[in-house]
Protein backbone atom coordinates (compact mmCIF):
# COMPACT_ATOMS: atom_id res chain seq x y z
CA UNK A 1 -39.42 -9.75 -15.32
CA UNK A 2 -39.96 -10.11 -19.06
CA UNK A 3 -38.34 -7.20 -20.88
CA UNK A 4 -34.82 -5.81 -20.28
CA UNK A 5 -33.09 -2.99 -22.13
CA UNK A 6 -29.35 -2.54 -22.61
CA UNK A 7 -27.26 0.40 -23.81
CA UNK A 8 -23.65 1.48 -24.20
CA UNK A 9 -22.82 5.03 -23.21
CA UNK A 10 -19.93 7.50 -23.14
CA UNK A 11 -16.58 6.61 -24.65
CA UNK A 12 -16.48 3.33 -26.56
CA UNK A 13 -14.02 0.57 -25.73
CA UNK A 14 -13.19 -2.91 -26.92
CA UNK A 15 -15.20 -5.55 -25.11
CA UNK A 16 -18.52 -3.73 -25.24
CA UNK A 17 -19.75 -6.01 -28.03
CA UNK A 18 -18.68 -9.08 -26.07
CA UNK A 19 -20.73 -7.80 -23.14
CA UNK A 20 -23.76 -7.09 -25.31
CA UNK A 21 -23.53 -10.59 -26.75
CA UNK A 22 -23.48 -12.07 -23.24
CA UNK A 23 -26.44 -9.94 -22.12
CA UNK A 24 -28.53 -11.03 -25.09
CA UNK A 25 -27.64 -14.71 -24.96
CA UNK A 26 -27.93 -15.02 -21.16
CA UNK A 27 -31.15 -13.01 -21.22
CA UNK A 28 -32.74 -15.07 -23.97
CA UNK A 29 -31.71 -18.27 -22.19
CA UNK A 30 -33.59 -16.96 -19.13
CA UNK A 31 -36.71 -16.23 -21.17
CA UNK A 32 -36.24 -12.46 -21.35
CA UNK A 33 -36.87 -10.15 -24.27
CA UNK A 34 -33.83 -7.91 -24.77
CA UNK A 35 -34.21 -4.40 -26.18
CA UNK A 36 -31.09 -2.69 -27.51
CA UNK A 37 -31.07 1.08 -27.05
CA UNK A 38 -29.05 2.81 -29.78
CA UNK A 39 -26.69 5.76 -29.14
CA UNK A 40 -26.68 5.49 -25.35
CA UNK A 41 -28.98 7.59 -23.18
CA UNK A 42 -29.74 9.76 -26.20
CA UNK A 43 -31.44 6.73 -27.69
CA UNK A 44 -33.82 6.57 -24.72
CA UNK A 45 -34.72 10.22 -25.23
CA UNK A 46 -35.17 9.79 -28.99
CA UNK A 47 -36.78 6.33 -28.77
CA UNK A 48 -34.08 4.59 -30.82
CA UNK A 49 -34.29 0.91 -30.07
CA UNK A 50 -34.48 -2.57 -31.55
CA UNK A 51 -35.32 -6.02 -30.28
CA UNK A 52 -32.15 -8.10 -30.04
CA UNK A 53 -32.00 -11.80 -30.80
CA UNK A 54 -29.12 -14.25 -30.71
CA UNK A 55 -28.75 -13.58 -34.43
CA UNK A 56 -28.42 -9.83 -33.71
CA UNK A 57 -25.23 -10.52 -31.77
CA UNK A 58 -23.69 -13.08 -34.10
CA UNK A 59 -20.20 -12.31 -35.37
CA UNK A 60 -19.64 -9.30 -33.07
CA UNK A 61 -17.42 -10.89 -30.42
CA UNK A 62 -14.21 -9.97 -32.23
CA UNK A 63 -15.22 -6.41 -33.10
CA UNK A 64 -14.09 -3.34 -31.18
CA UNK A 65 -16.41 -0.48 -30.31
CA UNK A 66 -20.14 -1.09 -29.89
CA UNK A 67 -22.62 -2.12 -32.56
CA UNK A 68 -25.36 -0.23 -30.67
CA UNK A 69 -23.18 2.89 -30.95
CA UNK A 70 -22.62 5.36 -28.16
CA UNK A 71 -23.12 9.05 -27.49
CA UNK A 72 -23.07 11.60 -24.71
CA UNK A 73 -26.42 13.06 -23.69
CA UNK A 74 -26.65 16.52 -22.11
CA UNK A 75 -30.40 16.14 -21.58
CA UNK A 76 -29.80 13.39 -19.02
CA UNK A 77 -28.22 16.02 -16.77
CA UNK A 78 -31.53 17.88 -16.51
CA UNK A 79 -34.60 16.92 -14.53
CA UNK A 80 -36.77 17.20 -17.63
CA UNK A 81 -34.50 14.91 -19.63
CA UNK A 82 -34.32 12.35 -16.84
CA UNK A 83 -38.11 12.33 -16.46
CA UNK A 84 -38.56 11.91 -20.23
CA UNK A 85 -36.07 9.03 -20.30
CA UNK A 86 -37.84 7.26 -17.45
CA UNK A 87 -41.25 7.76 -19.05
CA UNK A 88 -40.02 6.42 -22.39
CA UNK A 89 -38.58 3.31 -20.76
CA UNK A 90 -41.80 2.67 -18.88
CA UNK A 91 -43.88 3.21 -22.05
CA UNK A 92 -41.65 0.64 -23.75
CA UNK A 93 -42.45 -1.84 -21.00
CA UNK A 94 -38.84 -2.05 -19.82
CA UNK A 95 -38.63 -3.72 -16.41
CA UNK A 96 -34.86 -3.58 -16.09
CA UNK A 97 -31.97 -1.64 -17.65
CA UNK A 98 -28.31 -2.54 -18.12
CA UNK A 99 -25.94 0.41 -18.64
CA UNK A 100 -22.44 -0.25 -19.98
CA UNK A 101 -20.12 2.75 -19.65
CA UNK A 102 -17.82 4.95 -17.59
CA UNK A 103 -18.31 7.17 -14.56
CA UNK A 104 -20.76 9.58 -16.21
CA UNK A 105 -22.79 6.69 -17.59
CA UNK A 106 -22.96 5.06 -14.17
CA UNK A 107 -24.22 8.33 -12.69
CA UNK A 108 -26.95 8.31 -15.34
CA UNK A 109 -27.72 4.69 -14.46
CA UNK A 110 -28.13 5.58 -10.79
CA UNK A 111 -30.37 8.55 -11.65
CA UNK A 112 -32.70 6.28 -13.65
CA UNK A 113 -32.67 3.69 -10.87
CA UNK A 114 -33.91 6.39 -8.50
CA UNK A 115 -36.84 6.91 -10.89
CA UNK A 116 -38.04 3.41 -10.05
CA UNK A 117 -36.52 1.40 -12.88
CA UNK A 118 -34.24 -1.48 -11.77
CA UNK A 119 -30.74 -0.86 -13.13
CA UNK A 120 -27.43 -2.72 -13.27
CA UNK A 121 -24.24 -0.88 -14.25
CA UNK A 122 -21.21 -2.39 -15.99
CA UNK A 123 -17.89 -0.46 -15.85
CA UNK A 124 -16.43 0.17 -19.29
CA UNK A 125 -13.57 2.66 -19.57
CA UNK A 126 -10.00 2.30 -20.77
CA UNK A 127 -8.96 4.85 -18.11
CA UNK A 128 -9.50 2.28 -15.34
CA UNK A 129 -10.62 5.10 -13.06
CA UNK A 130 -13.88 3.52 -11.85
CA UNK A 131 -13.71 2.48 -8.17
CA UNK A 132 -14.76 -0.86 -6.69
CA UNK A 133 -13.49 -2.97 -9.55
CA UNK A 134 -9.92 -4.07 -10.14
CA UNK A 135 -10.30 -3.45 -13.84
CA UNK A 136 -12.91 -2.04 -16.20
CA UNK A 137 -13.92 -3.35 -19.59
CA UNK A 138 -11.53 -2.29 -22.36
CA UNK A 139 -8.45 -1.65 -20.22
CA UNK A 140 -6.56 -4.78 -21.21
CA UNK A 141 -7.08 -4.24 -24.94
CA UNK A 142 -6.01 -0.59 -24.64
CA UNK A 143 -2.83 -1.65 -22.85
CA UNK A 144 -2.04 -4.14 -25.60
CA UNK A 145 -2.57 -1.42 -28.21
CA UNK A 146 -0.16 0.88 -26.36
CA UNK A 147 2.47 -1.83 -25.99
CA UNK A 148 2.39 -2.64 -29.71
CA UNK A 149 2.92 1.04 -30.55
CA UNK A 150 5.73 1.56 -28.04
CA UNK A 151 7.52 -1.63 -29.11
CA UNK A 152 7.64 -0.21 -32.63
CA UNK A 153 8.84 3.16 -31.38
CA UNK A 154 11.69 1.54 -29.46
CA UNK A 155 12.97 0.04 -32.71
CA UNK A 156 13.22 3.40 -34.44
CA UNK A 157 14.41 5.22 -31.30
CA UNK A 158 17.39 2.88 -31.02
CA UNK A 159 18.17 3.26 -34.73
CA UNK A 160 18.34 7.07 -34.69
CA UNK A 161 19.46 8.14 -31.18
CA UNK A 162 16.10 9.65 -30.26
CA UNK A 163 13.85 10.20 -27.31
CA UNK A 164 10.14 9.68 -27.84
CA UNK A 165 7.61 11.41 -25.59
CA UNK A 166 4.43 9.35 -25.80
CA UNK A 167 1.11 10.76 -24.61
CA UNK A 168 -1.32 8.20 -23.19
CA UNK A 169 -5.04 8.54 -22.49
CA UNK A 170 -6.48 8.25 -18.99
CA UNK A 171 -7.81 11.70 -18.09
CA UNK A 172 -6.78 12.20 -14.44
CA UNK A 173 -5.81 8.58 -13.87
CA UNK A 174 -2.29 7.36 -14.66
CA UNK A 175 -3.04 3.62 -14.65
CA UNK A 176 -2.60 3.04 -18.40
CA UNK A 177 0.62 5.05 -18.48
CA UNK A 178 2.38 3.46 -15.52
CA UNK A 179 1.40 -0.12 -16.37
CA UNK A 180 2.40 0.37 -20.02
CA UNK A 181 5.72 1.84 -18.85
CA UNK A 182 6.46 -1.35 -16.94
CA UNK A 183 5.26 -3.71 -19.67
CA UNK A 184 7.05 -1.90 -22.52
CA UNK A 185 10.28 -1.22 -20.64
CA UNK A 186 9.99 2.55 -21.07
CA UNK A 187 12.36 4.79 -19.14
CA UNK A 188 9.98 7.27 -17.54
CA UNK A 189 6.35 7.40 -16.44
CA UNK A 190 4.78 10.82 -15.79
CA UNK A 191 1.39 10.45 -14.12
CA UNK A 192 -0.92 12.86 -12.26
CA UNK A 193 -0.73 10.83 -9.06
CA UNK A 194 3.03 11.30 -8.65
CA UNK A 195 5.13 14.52 -8.74
CA UNK A 196 7.95 14.68 -11.27
CA UNK A 197 10.97 16.93 -11.82
CA UNK A 198 11.74 17.64 -15.48
CA UNK A 199 15.15 19.07 -14.59
CA UNK A 200 16.07 15.83 -12.87
CA UNK A 201 14.75 13.80 -15.80
CA UNK A 202 16.89 15.81 -18.20
CA UNK A 203 19.92 15.29 -15.95
CA UNK A 204 19.27 11.52 -15.94
CA UNK A 205 18.85 11.48 -19.72
CA UNK A 206 22.15 13.33 -20.22
CA UNK A 207 23.88 10.84 -17.95
CA UNK A 208 22.36 7.95 -19.89
CA UNK A 209 23.56 9.54 -23.14
CA UNK A 210 27.09 9.81 -21.78
CA UNK A 211 26.94 6.14 -20.80
CA UNK A 212 26.07 5.22 -24.37
CA UNK A 213 22.32 4.74 -23.93
CA UNK A 214 21.20 7.21 -26.56
CA UNK A 215 17.47 6.58 -26.77
CA UNK A 216 14.59 6.78 -24.32
CA UNK A 217 10.84 6.44 -24.13
CA UNK A 218 9.05 8.91 -21.85
CA UNK A 219 5.41 8.01 -21.19
CA UNK A 220 3.11 10.90 -20.24
CA UNK A 221 -0.44 10.51 -18.95
CA UNK A 222 -2.70 13.17 -20.45
CA UNK A 223 -3.62 14.29 -16.93
CA UNK A 224 0.05 14.92 -16.10
CA UNK A 225 0.85 17.21 -19.02
CA UNK A 226 0.92 17.49 -22.79
CA UNK A 227 3.57 15.55 -24.69
CA UNK A 228 4.32 18.58 -26.87
CA UNK A 229 4.99 20.74 -23.81
CA UNK A 230 7.18 18.10 -22.15
CA UNK A 231 9.17 17.56 -25.34
CA UNK A 232 9.72 21.28 -25.90
CA UNK A 233 11.15 21.62 -22.41
CA UNK A 234 13.66 18.80 -22.74
CA UNK A 235 14.65 18.74 -26.42
CA UNK A 236 17.57 21.17 -26.08
CA UNK A 237 18.90 19.73 -22.83
CA UNK A 238 19.46 16.03 -23.37
CA UNK A 239 21.90 15.63 -26.25
CA UNK A 240 19.71 13.79 -28.76
CA UNK A 241 16.61 14.37 -30.85
CA UNK A 242 13.14 14.36 -29.31
CA UNK A 243 9.95 13.27 -31.05
CA UNK A 244 6.32 13.35 -29.91
CA UNK A 245 3.69 10.67 -30.37
CA UNK A 246 0.09 11.18 -29.23
CA UNK A 247 -1.60 7.78 -29.42
CA UNK A 248 -5.07 9.27 -28.97
CA UNK A 249 -8.13 7.25 -29.94
CA UNK A 250 -5.99 4.48 -31.43
CA UNK A 251 -5.90 3.14 -27.88
CA UNK A 252 -9.68 2.65 -27.71
CA UNK A 253 -10.19 0.56 -30.83
CA UNK A 254 -9.30 -2.85 -32.15
CA UNK A 255 -10.35 -6.43 -31.61
CA UNK A 256 -10.75 -7.11 -27.87
CA UNK A 257 -8.20 -9.23 -26.07
CA UNK A 258 -9.11 -12.63 -24.67
CA UNK A 259 -9.25 -11.07 -21.21
CA UNK A 260 -11.76 -8.41 -22.30
CA UNK A 261 -13.89 -10.99 -24.09
CA UNK A 262 -14.04 -13.13 -20.96
CA UNK A 263 -14.64 -10.11 -18.74
CA UNK A 264 -17.48 -8.97 -20.99
CA UNK A 265 -19.02 -12.45 -20.89
CA UNK A 266 -18.84 -12.56 -17.10
CA UNK A 267 -20.14 -9.01 -16.62
CA UNK A 268 -23.03 -9.53 -19.05
CA UNK A 269 -24.12 -12.82 -17.52
CA UNK A 270 -23.88 -11.42 -13.98
CA UNK A 271 -26.00 -8.41 -14.96
CA UNK A 272 -28.83 -10.64 -16.20
CA UNK A 273 -28.55 -12.93 -13.20
CA UNK A 274 -28.87 -10.07 -10.71
CA UNK A 275 -31.72 -8.39 -12.58
CA UNK A 276 -33.61 -11.69 -12.41
CA UNK A 277 -33.35 -11.78 -8.61
CA UNK A 278 -34.03 -8.02 -8.27
CA UNK A 279 -30.56 -7.31 -6.86
CA UNK A 280 -30.40 -3.95 -8.62
CA UNK A 281 -29.06 -0.44 -8.18
CA UNK A 282 -25.61 -2.07 -8.32
CA UNK A 283 -22.47 -2.03 -10.43
CA UNK A 284 -20.88 -5.29 -11.45
CA UNK A 285 -17.14 -5.40 -10.78
CA UNK A 286 -14.30 -7.84 -10.41
CA UNK A 287 -11.99 -8.32 -7.43
CA UNK A 288 -9.27 -10.87 -7.92
CA UNK A 289 -11.08 -13.56 -9.85
CA UNK A 290 -14.47 -12.97 -8.22
CA UNK A 291 -17.43 -10.98 -9.50
CA UNK A 292 -18.61 -8.44 -6.92
CA UNK A 293 -21.48 -5.95 -6.71
CA UNK A 294 -21.36 -2.45 -5.27
CA UNK A 295 -24.21 0.02 -4.79
CA UNK A 296 -24.28 2.56 -7.61
CA UNK A 297 -24.60 5.36 -5.05
CA UNK A 298 -21.33 4.25 -3.43
CA UNK A 299 -19.59 3.98 -6.80
CA UNK A 300 -20.73 7.35 -8.11
CA UNK A 301 -19.77 9.27 -4.96
CA UNK A 302 -16.39 7.65 -4.31
CA UNK A 303 -14.33 9.66 -6.78
CA UNK A 304 -11.51 8.39 -8.99
CA UNK A 305 -10.17 4.91 -8.30
CA UNK A 306 -6.77 5.35 -6.58
CA UNK A 307 -3.75 3.87 -8.31
CA UNK A 308 -1.95 1.01 -6.59
CA UNK A 309 1.32 2.55 -5.28
CA UNK A 310 3.09 -0.66 -6.27
CA UNK A 311 2.95 0.35 -9.94
CA UNK A 312 4.77 3.73 -9.74
CA UNK A 313 7.34 2.20 -7.41
CA UNK A 314 7.96 -0.69 -9.79
CA UNK A 315 8.16 1.60 -12.82
CA UNK A 316 10.75 3.76 -11.07
CA UNK A 317 12.85 0.82 -9.94
CA UNK A 318 12.90 -0.88 -13.34
CA UNK A 319 13.81 2.29 -15.22
CA UNK A 320 17.17 2.65 -13.46
C-alpha cells in the first residue's frame, strides 16, 4: 500500500484535526502518501483533494473543527453517486480510505468498502450515539463546553431566583445531557431514553421553592423535547422566573480537550496500522483503555448506542 486518502464527514467536532494530524504523521512514518479529501464525501465526487505532508498538519492540534472541512453529500445515497466516488478514488490511485465521522459517514464508509476499496472508519460525533465504542471523538470537549456554560448560568440563577431550561444537543441520544447534569450539579435531566412527568417536576420545584431553594437548572436533550416548550409549560406553576438557553452549535466548537487530543492520536495511528496489515472494513473504537475494532457492517446495523442505565440513576439520586 502506497497511497491512502482521509476525509472528515458529517457534523464537525473538536478532535478531528488531532486525528488528521495523527493519520498524516503515522502514515508518512510508514512510507505512505496521504491524500486529504476536502468537504467530506462531496470532495470525492467533485475531486477536491490535496497531498498532505507533516507541514500540512502543523499547528492544527489545538484547533476545533476540521481543516479539511466537512459536508453532507446526498449523492452518496444513490448508486450513481457511490459508483462515481469509487471510480474517482481508484483513478486517484487510492489504495485505502480513512473516514472520520458519525453514523451516516460510517454507512458511507461501508458502502465504499463494498466497492472494493479498503476502508477504516473513525467515530466522531458529540452525540456519543455510535455503538461499539465507549466514547466517540469530540464528546469530551462538548461536555466541557456544556459544563462551562451551565456553571455560568448557575451563578445568575442563584442571583435572581430563576429556573433555567437548557437544551442540549444529542439527537435521540441523551448521553450529553445526563452526564452534564451529573457533572454540573443540575437538578433535572430530561432525556429520550427515560420517561418524565412535567407535573411531578413542577411539584418538586414548588417544594424546593418553599424550602428556600429558589433556583434550578433543568437540562433537556433535544430528542426529549424543546426547551421553549418545556419552559412554557412550567413557568406559571413553580413560583419563580423561567429562562431558556439553547446551547446549539456552541457545543461542537472550541479547542479540543486533552482527552480528545489523545483519543484522536490513538484513533489515527490505529487506522494507519490496520490499513497497513489489510485489516479493513472496520471501525476503530475504544473500550476501557483498549483500542478495539468492529466490522463496519455490525456498527452500521446495530442502531443507536444504548445509554448506560447507571447515568440516569445517578442523576436522579444526586438531584434530590
